[in-house]
Amino acid sequence: MIPPRLMVAVAASALVLAACGDKDTTKTAGAPKAAASVQTPTAAPVLQITSETRQFRDWSATCGNDGTCWAFGFTSGSNGGWVRIALDPGPDARPQVVFGYWPDSDAKGASRIGLTIDGRPFAAVLNDASEDDAPIGQITGDARPVIDALSQGKVMTIRGVSTQDISLHGAAAALLWIDEKQRRLDTPTALMRRGQKPAATVPVAPALPTVAAAPAVDQTGFGDQNQAVPAALRSRTEVGNCLKESAMPAVSDQVMSARLDARTELWAVPCGAGAYNVTHNWYLTGPGGRDPRPADLVGTAGPGADPYLRDNATVNGQYDPGSRTLSAFAKGRGIGDCGSLQTWTWTGQRFVLTQESTMGECAGVPSDFWPVAWRTR
């Protein structure tokens, strides 16, 4: 028989051991939670990309500096028909498909539009930008079935009051190039080569360059009417040659000027014209046109923004003193469905390119649907 005093000691020891065991168990069970609480979420990768345009047989593709990419297919010859596939950067982006055409002859048909690939129809509705003589359609719902079909197909047909066929040769290569540029290969978000890599590995859009416009100033005495080239500017050899080339009153009268600040003026000298394009050379001067020097305008070398090539010429250029922007629209033909669009902003020290879009194919694409090769915030 165990003495009472010993029984008390044994019970006390058991309680101590039980208490120690509970304490150790609590530590072990709680350890994973403590470790999880100090983990930090992994930052999303940021896309590193440069503006670029590539040709793939009958298709072209452009990616802008903001990571947005576009693929275009066109009808052959002089017919007006086109399709555009656009995709923003990032794992949550969804492709969008729009297309348009010119009805044959004088037919009007903005009331309906459709799209087929090798005879297979896809649901489409009219885009808000449609016009009677230039209907524009857009795919409703998920665009991926269209992309899957065109990547394997031969002919895409736009159907309205007339039809236009678009070759699909090169479409798959153009879309694969976009996957590579946006770094979405082998993920479920890819246009062409999809796989099981997590969508979270697809980089998000890069931060855009920030451009701040200088304050607006009074424009009394300046503008695009009744302006005469200052003597100091006229004395430059190239300016004199431009004025000789622009001797027709309809062109020579198109001298433009603006006050940029108390010490700086902007002058545009006409330098030749065509049927629908007028060229100006732009100069920065001191007050009264003194000490002229050519303005530095970059991004005027055709498709894609070039931040290093300087020029001072624009085609169909205009300066807006309210927004402090100088814009240009070089038309590939009179209706303005191809060419290049640029905008520069005056910062107080110089003009900085803030947007550029281009369209190398004259196929009826409205300028609002052109790829934007360069833009800023």
Protein backbone atom coordinates (compact mmCIF):
# COMPACT_ATOMS: atom_id res chain seq x y z
CA MET A 1 0.00 0.00 0.00
CA ILE A 2 1.38 3.35 -1.04
CA PRO A 3 1.66 5.83 1.81
CA PRO A 4 -0.59 8.90 1.47
CA ARG A 5 2.38 11.28 1.42
CA LEU A 6 3.93 9.36 -1.54
CA MET A 7 0.62 9.34 -3.40
CA VAL A 8 0.47 13.12 -3.13
CA ALA A 9 4.01 13.43 -4.49
CA VAL A 10 3.27 11.13 -7.44
CA ALA A 11 0.09 13.05 -8.30
CA ALA A 12 1.96 16.35 -8.15
CA SER A 13 4.67 14.99 -10.44
CA ALA A 14 2.02 13.81 -12.89
CA LEU A 15 0.44 17.25 -12.95
CA VAL A 16 3.79 18.89 -13.63
CA LEU A 17 4.58 16.46 -16.44
CA ALA A 18 1.12 16.96 -17.93
CA ALA A 19 1.52 20.72 -17.76
CA CYS A 20 4.92 20.51 -19.48
CA GLY A 21 3.51 18.21 -22.11
CA ASP A 22 0.63 20.60 -22.85
CA LYS A 23 3.04 23.49 -23.15
CA ASP A 24 5.25 21.67 -25.65
CA THR A 25 2.24 20.55 -27.67
CA THR A 26 0.99 24.12 -27.87
CA LYS A 27 4.35 25.29 -29.19
CA THR A 28 4.45 22.58 -31.85
CA ALA A 29 0.90 23.16 -33.08
CA GLY A 30 1.37 26.91 -33.19
CA ALA A 31 4.71 26.91 -35.06
CA PRO A 32 3.35 26.75 -38.63
CA LYS A 33 0.95 29.65 -37.96
CA ALA A 34 3.78 31.78 -36.66
CA ALA A 35 5.87 31.02 -39.74
CA ALA A 36 2.97 31.84 -42.09
CA SER A 37 2.37 35.17 -40.40
CA VAL A 38 5.80 36.51 -41.39
CA GLN A 39 5.53 35.60 -45.08
CA THR A 40 5.14 38.54 -47.49
CA PRO A 41 3.33 38.33 -50.84
CA THR A 42 5.56 38.18 -53.91
CA ALA A 43 5.37 41.36 -55.97
CA ALA A 44 3.96 40.92 -59.47
CA PRO A 45 6.63 41.00 -62.19
CA VAL A 46 6.69 44.17 -64.30
CA LEU A 47 6.87 43.92 -68.09
CA GLN A 48 10.02 45.23 -69.73
CA ILE A 49 9.15 46.09 -73.33
CA THR A 50 10.12 48.40 -76.19
CA SER A 51 7.89 49.68 -78.96
CA GLU A 52 8.20 47.49 -82.03
CA THR A 53 6.37 46.53 -85.25
CA ARG A 54 6.91 43.26 -87.13
CA GLN A 55 5.54 41.83 -90.38
CA PHE A 56 4.43 38.18 -90.62
CA ARG A 57 3.47 37.40 -94.23
CA ASP A 58 -0.02 38.92 -94.65
CA TRP A 59 -0.24 40.09 -91.01
CA SER A 60 1.52 42.73 -88.96
CA ALA A 61 1.89 43.13 -85.20
CA THR A 62 2.77 46.12 -83.03
CA CYS A 63 3.51 46.40 -79.33
CA GLY A 64 3.57 49.80 -77.65
CA ASN A 65 5.75 51.03 -74.82
CA ASP A 66 2.85 50.46 -72.38
CA GLY A 67 2.79 46.73 -73.19
CA THR A 68 -0.41 46.74 -75.24
CA CYS A 69 -0.12 44.75 -78.47
CA TRP A 70 -2.16 44.59 -81.68
CA ALA A 71 -2.22 42.17 -84.61
CA PHE A 72 -3.72 43.24 -87.95
CA GLY A 73 -4.84 41.37 -91.03
CA PHE A 74 -5.93 43.07 -94.26
CA THR A 75 -7.65 42.34 -97.54
CA SER A 76 -5.42 42.11 -100.59
CA GLY A 77 -5.19 44.86 -103.20
CA SER A 78 -7.00 48.16 -102.81
CA ASN A 79 -10.12 46.76 -101.14
CA GLY A 80 -10.89 48.14 -97.69
CA GLY A 81 -11.13 45.31 -95.19
CA TRP A 82 -9.29 44.69 -91.94
CA VAL A 83 -9.34 42.83 -88.64
CA ARG A 84 -7.60 43.83 -85.40
CA ILE A 85 -6.81 41.69 -82.37
CA ALA A 86 -5.81 43.77 -79.33
CA LEU A 87 -4.48 42.55 -75.99
CA ASP A 88 -3.48 44.60 -72.94
CA PRO A 89 -0.56 43.43 -70.79
CA GLY A 90 -1.02 41.53 -67.55
CA PRO A 91 -2.54 38.23 -66.38
CA ASP A 92 -6.15 39.49 -66.36
CA ALA A 93 -6.19 40.89 -69.91
CA ARG A 94 -8.68 39.53 -72.42
CA PRO A 95 -8.26 39.75 -76.21
CA GLN A 96 -10.63 41.94 -78.21
CA VAL A 97 -11.46 41.48 -81.88
CA VAL A 98 -12.80 44.27 -84.10
CA PHE A 99 -13.04 44.38 -87.89
CA GLY A 100 -14.30 46.63 -90.64
CA TYR A 101 -14.75 47.01 -94.38
CA TRP A 102 -15.97 49.26 -97.16
CA PRO A 103 -19.12 48.03 -98.91
CA ASP A 104 -18.73 47.61 -102.65
CA SER A 105 -19.83 50.45 -104.90
CA ASP A 106 -22.37 52.77 -103.29
CA ALA A 107 -23.98 50.12 -101.11
CA LYS A 108 -24.80 51.16 -97.56
CA GLY A 109 -24.89 48.58 -94.84
CA ALA A 110 -24.16 49.62 -91.29
CA SER A 111 -27.26 47.76 -90.11
CA ARG A 112 -25.53 44.37 -89.99
CA ILE A 113 -22.09 42.84 -90.05
CA GLY A 114 -20.71 39.36 -89.51
CA LEU A 115 -17.51 37.36 -89.47
CA THR A 116 -16.76 33.81 -90.62
CA ILE A 117 -13.57 31.74 -90.64
CA ASP A 118 -13.50 28.99 -93.26
CA GLY A 119 -17.30 29.27 -93.33
CA ARG A 120 -17.80 29.04 -89.55
CA PRO A 121 -19.79 32.06 -88.27
CA PHE A 122 -19.00 34.00 -85.10
CA ALA A 123 -21.39 36.32 -83.29
CA ALA A 124 -20.66 40.00 -83.80
CA VAL A 125 -22.33 43.35 -83.28
CA LEU A 126 -21.78 46.80 -84.74
CA ASN A 127 -19.22 48.94 -82.96
CA ASP A 128 -20.28 52.45 -81.90
CA ALA A 129 -17.72 53.89 -84.36
CA SER A 130 -19.53 52.39 -87.37
CA GLU A 131 -20.61 54.57 -90.26
CA ASP A 132 -22.91 53.76 -93.17
CA ASP A 133 -20.05 53.69 -95.65
CA ALA A 134 -17.57 52.06 -93.24
CA PRO A 135 -19.21 49.58 -90.85
CA ILE A 136 -17.11 48.24 -87.96
CA GLY A 137 -17.95 45.05 -86.09
CA GLN A 138 -16.78 43.57 -82.82
CA ILE A 139 -16.89 40.03 -81.47
CA THR A 140 -19.25 39.58 -78.56
CA GLY A 141 -18.37 37.44 -75.57
CA ASP A 142 -15.15 35.44 -75.38
CA ALA A 143 -12.85 36.15 -78.34
CA ARG A 144 -10.65 33.10 -77.83
CA PRO A 145 -12.72 30.76 -80.06
CA VAL A 146 -12.18 33.24 -82.91
CA ILE A 147 -8.45 33.32 -82.22
CA ASP A 148 -8.27 29.52 -82.09
CA ALA A 149 -10.11 29.26 -85.40
CA LEU A 150 -8.06 31.86 -87.25
CA SER A 151 -4.78 30.37 -86.03
CA GLN A 152 -5.71 27.14 -87.86
CA GLY A 153 -7.82 28.63 -90.65
CA LYS A 154 -7.18 29.81 -94.17
CA VAL A 155 -9.65 32.62 -94.90
CA MET A 156 -11.55 35.06 -92.74
CA THR A 157 -14.57 36.68 -94.39
CA ILE A 158 -16.26 39.90 -93.32
CA ARG A 159 -19.93 39.77 -94.30
CA GLY A 160 -22.34 42.66 -94.70
CA VAL A 161 -24.03 44.04 -97.80
CA SER A 162 -20.83 42.87 -99.50
CA THR A 163 -18.00 40.56 -98.43
CA GLN A 164 -14.27 40.97 -97.97
CA ASP A 165 -11.80 38.10 -97.58
CA ILE A 166 -8.77 38.44 -95.31
CA SER A 167 -5.86 36.05 -95.62
CA LEU A 168 -4.86 34.28 -92.42
CA HIS A 169 -1.32 33.54 -93.59
CA GLY A 170 0.93 34.84 -90.83
CA ALA A 171 -1.83 35.30 -88.24
CA ALA A 172 -0.58 32.55 -85.94
CA ALA A 173 3.00 33.84 -86.11
CA ALA A 174 1.88 37.39 -85.28
CA LEU A 175 -0.08 36.20 -82.24
CA LEU A 176 2.78 34.00 -81.05
CA TRP A 177 5.09 37.03 -81.26
CA ILE A 178 2.66 38.97 -79.04
CA ASP A 179 2.75 36.11 -76.50
CA GLU A 180 6.54 36.37 -76.48
CA LYS A 181 6.58 40.16 -76.17
CA GLN A 182 4.10 40.12 -73.27
CA ARG A 183 5.84 37.12 -71.67
CA ARG A 184 2.69 35.01 -71.44
CA LEU A 185 3.95 31.87 -73.24
CA ASP A 186 2.88 28.55 -71.71
CA THR A 187 0.29 30.20 -69.43
CA PRO A 188 -3.50 29.93 -69.73
CA THR A 189 -3.54 33.58 -70.85
CA ALA A 190 -1.50 33.02 -74.04
CA LEU A 191 -3.07 33.70 -77.41
CA MET A 192 -1.29 30.80 -79.09
CA ARG A 193 0.99 28.62 -76.94
CA ARG A 194 -1.04 27.97 -73.81
CA GLY A 195 0.17 25.89 -70.91
CA GLN A 196 -0.04 25.30 -67.17
CA LYS A 197 2.40 27.95 -65.93
CA PRO A 198 0.56 30.13 -63.39
CA ALA A 199 -1.12 33.21 -64.83
CA ALA A 200 0.46 35.18 -61.99
CA THR A 201 3.82 34.85 -63.76
CA VAL A 202 2.59 37.10 -66.58
CA PRO A 203 4.10 40.58 -66.01
CA VAL A 204 1.88 43.59 -65.38
CA ALA A 205 2.05 46.82 -67.38
CA PRO A 206 5.10 49.03 -66.89
CA ALA A 207 4.81 52.52 -65.44
CA LEU A 208 4.45 55.12 -68.17
CA PRO A 209 6.79 58.10 -68.48
CA THR A 210 5.31 61.19 -66.88
CA VAL A 211 5.24 64.45 -68.83
CA ALA A 212 4.07 67.71 -67.25
CA ALA A 213 2.92 70.52 -69.53
CA ALA A 214 4.17 74.05 -68.86
CA PRO A 215 1.59 76.67 -67.78
CA ALA A 216 -0.45 78.31 -70.53
CA VAL A 217 0.45 81.89 -71.45
CA ASP A 218 -1.26 84.75 -73.25
CA GLN A 219 -1.30 84.44 -77.05
CA THR A 220 -2.17 87.98 -78.04
CA GLY A 221 -0.63 88.73 -81.42
CA PHE A 222 0.16 85.09 -82.18
CA GLY A 223 -1.76 82.36 -84.01
CA ASP A 224 -2.25 80.95 -87.50
CA GLN A 225 -3.71 84.01 -89.21
CA ASN A 226 -1.85 86.98 -90.73
CA GLN A 227 1.54 85.91 -89.38
CA ALA A 228 4.79 87.05 -91.00
CA VAL A 229 8.10 85.22 -90.65
CA PRO A 230 10.45 87.36 -88.50
CA ALA A 231 13.52 88.79 -90.24
CA ALA A 232 16.03 86.81 -88.18
CA LEU A 233 14.24 83.57 -89.01
CA ARG A 234 13.81 84.46 -92.69
CA SER A 235 17.57 85.02 -92.98
CA ARG A 236 18.29 81.32 -92.41
CA THR A 237 19.12 79.66 -95.73
CA GLU A 238 16.80 76.67 -95.30
CA VAL A 239 13.92 78.96 -94.31
CA GLY A 240 14.37 81.05 -97.44
CA ASN A 241 14.38 77.89 -99.55
CA CYS A 242 11.20 76.67 -97.88
CA LEU A 243 9.42 79.95 -98.53
CA LYS A 244 10.40 79.73 -102.21
CA GLU A 245 9.02 76.19 -102.44
CA SER A 246 5.81 77.33 -100.76
CA ALA A 247 5.24 80.37 -102.99
CA MET A 248 1.57 79.58 -103.68
CA PRO A 249 -0.61 81.85 -101.50
CA ALA A 250 -2.61 78.86 -100.19
CA VAL A 251 0.62 77.52 -98.70
CA SER A 252 2.82 80.56 -98.09
CA ASP A 253 0.12 82.15 -95.91
CA GLN A 254 0.19 79.18 -93.53
CA VAL A 255 2.78 80.68 -91.19
CA MET A 256 2.00 79.85 -87.55
CA SER A 257 3.30 81.27 -84.28
CA ALA A 258 2.81 80.94 -80.52
CA ARG A 259 4.22 82.38 -77.33
CA LEU A 260 5.63 79.58 -75.16
CA ASP A 261 6.82 81.79 -72.30
CA ALA A 262 8.18 85.31 -71.75
CA ARG A 263 11.48 84.42 -73.43
CA THR A 264 10.48 81.82 -76.02
CA GLU A 265 8.40 81.91 -79.19
CA LEU A 266 7.40 79.11 -81.56
CA TRP A 267 7.31 79.64 -85.33
CA ALA A 268 6.18 77.26 -88.09
CA VAL A 269 7.40 77.95 -91.64
CA PRO A 270 5.54 76.25 -94.52
CA CYS A 271 7.89 74.09 -96.57
CA GLY A 272 5.98 72.49 -99.43
CA ALA A 273 2.62 70.83 -99.89
CA GLY A 274 0.88 68.01 -101.69
CA ALA A 275 -2.76 67.23 -102.38
CA TYR A 276 -3.61 66.59 -98.71
CA ASN A 277 -0.36 67.19 -96.81
CA VAL A 278 1.34 70.46 -95.85
CA THR A 279 4.84 70.38 -94.39
CA HIS A 280 6.06 72.90 -91.79
CA ASN A 281 9.45 73.38 -90.20
CA TRP A 282 9.28 74.49 -86.55
CA TYR A 283 11.66 76.88 -84.79
CA LEU A 284 12.15 78.18 -81.27
CA THR A 285 13.18 81.84 -81.03
CA GLY A 286 13.62 84.62 -78.54
CA PRO A 287 11.15 87.54 -78.38
CA GLY A 288 10.44 89.03 -81.79
CA GLY A 289 11.82 85.97 -83.58
CA ARG A 290 15.43 86.62 -82.52
CA ASP A 291 18.08 83.88 -82.22
CA PRO A 292 16.13 81.16 -84.05
CA ARG A 293 17.01 77.51 -83.66
CA PRO A 294 15.27 74.38 -84.98
CA ALA A 295 12.84 72.75 -82.55
CA ASP A 296 13.73 69.19 -81.54
CA LEU A 297 10.85 66.85 -82.37
CA VAL A 298 11.48 63.14 -81.92
CA GLY A 299 9.44 60.18 -83.10
CA THR A 300 8.96 61.42 -86.67
CA ALA A 301 10.80 58.61 -88.43
CA GLY A 302 7.79 56.47 -89.37
CA PRO A 303 6.36 53.43 -87.55
CA GLY A 304 7.34 53.31 -83.91
CA ALA A 305 8.51 56.06 -81.60
CA ASP A 306 12.20 56.89 -81.91
CA PRO A 307 13.29 58.89 -78.84
CA TYR A 308 16.69 59.65 -80.37
CA LEU A 309 16.09 60.79 -83.96
CA ARG A 310 15.57 64.56 -83.99
CA ASP A 311 13.73 66.55 -86.60
CA ASN A 312 11.86 69.84 -86.77
CA ALA A 313 9.44 69.04 -89.60
CA THR A 314 5.81 67.98 -89.36
CA VAL A 315 3.11 67.13 -91.87
CA ASN A 316 -0.25 68.81 -91.22
CA GLY A 317 1.10 70.17 -87.95
CA GLN A 318 -0.79 72.36 -85.48
CA TYR A 319 -0.01 73.89 -82.11
CA ASP A 320 -2.70 74.12 -79.40
CA PRO A 321 -1.75 76.77 -76.79
CA GLY A 322 -4.47 75.56 -74.42
CA SER A 323 -3.08 72.04 -74.00
CA ARG A 324 0.50 73.08 -74.83
CA THR A 325 0.65 70.37 -77.49
CA LEU A 326 2.00 70.27 -81.01
CA SER A 327 0.37 67.61 -83.19
CA ALA A 328 0.96 66.20 -86.66
CA PHE A 329 -0.98 63.92 -89.00
CA ALA A 330 0.98 62.68 -92.01
CA LYS A 331 -1.67 61.10 -94.24
CA GLY A 332 -0.84 58.17 -96.47
CA ARG A 333 -3.82 59.17 -98.61
CA GLY A 334 -6.54 61.78 -98.52
CA ILE A 335 -9.13 59.91 -96.46
CA GLY A 336 -6.61 59.56 -93.63
CA ASP A 337 -6.87 55.78 -93.13
CA CYS A 338 -3.09 55.34 -93.02
CA GLY A 339 -0.03 57.33 -92.08
CA SER A 340 1.23 58.53 -88.70
CA LEU A 341 -0.06 60.66 -85.82
CA GLN A 342 2.16 62.35 -83.25
CA THR A 343 1.66 64.65 -80.29
CA TRP A 344 4.37 66.53 -78.40
CA THR A 345 3.95 68.51 -75.18
CA TRP A 346 5.84 71.67 -74.27
CA THR A 347 7.35 71.21 -70.80
CA GLY A 348 8.94 74.65 -70.45
CA GLN A 349 12.30 73.45 -71.74
CA ARG A 350 11.49 71.34 -74.78
CA PHE A 351 8.86 69.42 -76.71
CA VAL A 352 8.47 65.83 -75.49
CA LEU A 353 6.76 63.11 -77.50
CA THR A 354 3.62 62.10 -75.60
CA GLN A 355 1.82 59.91 -78.14
CA GLU A 356 2.49 58.31 -81.51
CA SER A 357 0.33 55.94 -83.53
CA THR A 358 0.93 54.60 -87.01
CA MET A 359 -0.82 52.62 -89.71
CA GLY A 360 1.28 51.45 -92.63
CA GLU A 361 -1.52 49.76 -94.59
CA CYS A 362 -4.14 51.83 -96.40
CA ALA A 363 -7.09 49.51 -95.78
CA GLY A 364 -9.81 51.70 -94.30
CA VAL A 365 -8.76 51.52 -90.63
CA PRO A 366 -9.96 54.66 -88.77
CA SER A 367 -7.18 56.43 -86.87
CA ASP A 368 -8.88 55.69 -83.52
CA PHE A 369 -8.15 52.00 -84.13
CA TRP A 370 -4.47 52.40 -85.02
CA PRO A 371 -1.87 50.83 -82.73
CA VAL A 372 -0.34 53.32 -80.29
CA ALA A 373 3.41 52.79 -80.42
CA TRP A 374 4.22 55.38 -77.75
CA ARG A 375 2.29 57.12 -75.01
CA THR A 376 2.97 58.83 -71.70
CA ARG A 377 1.09 59.67 -68.51
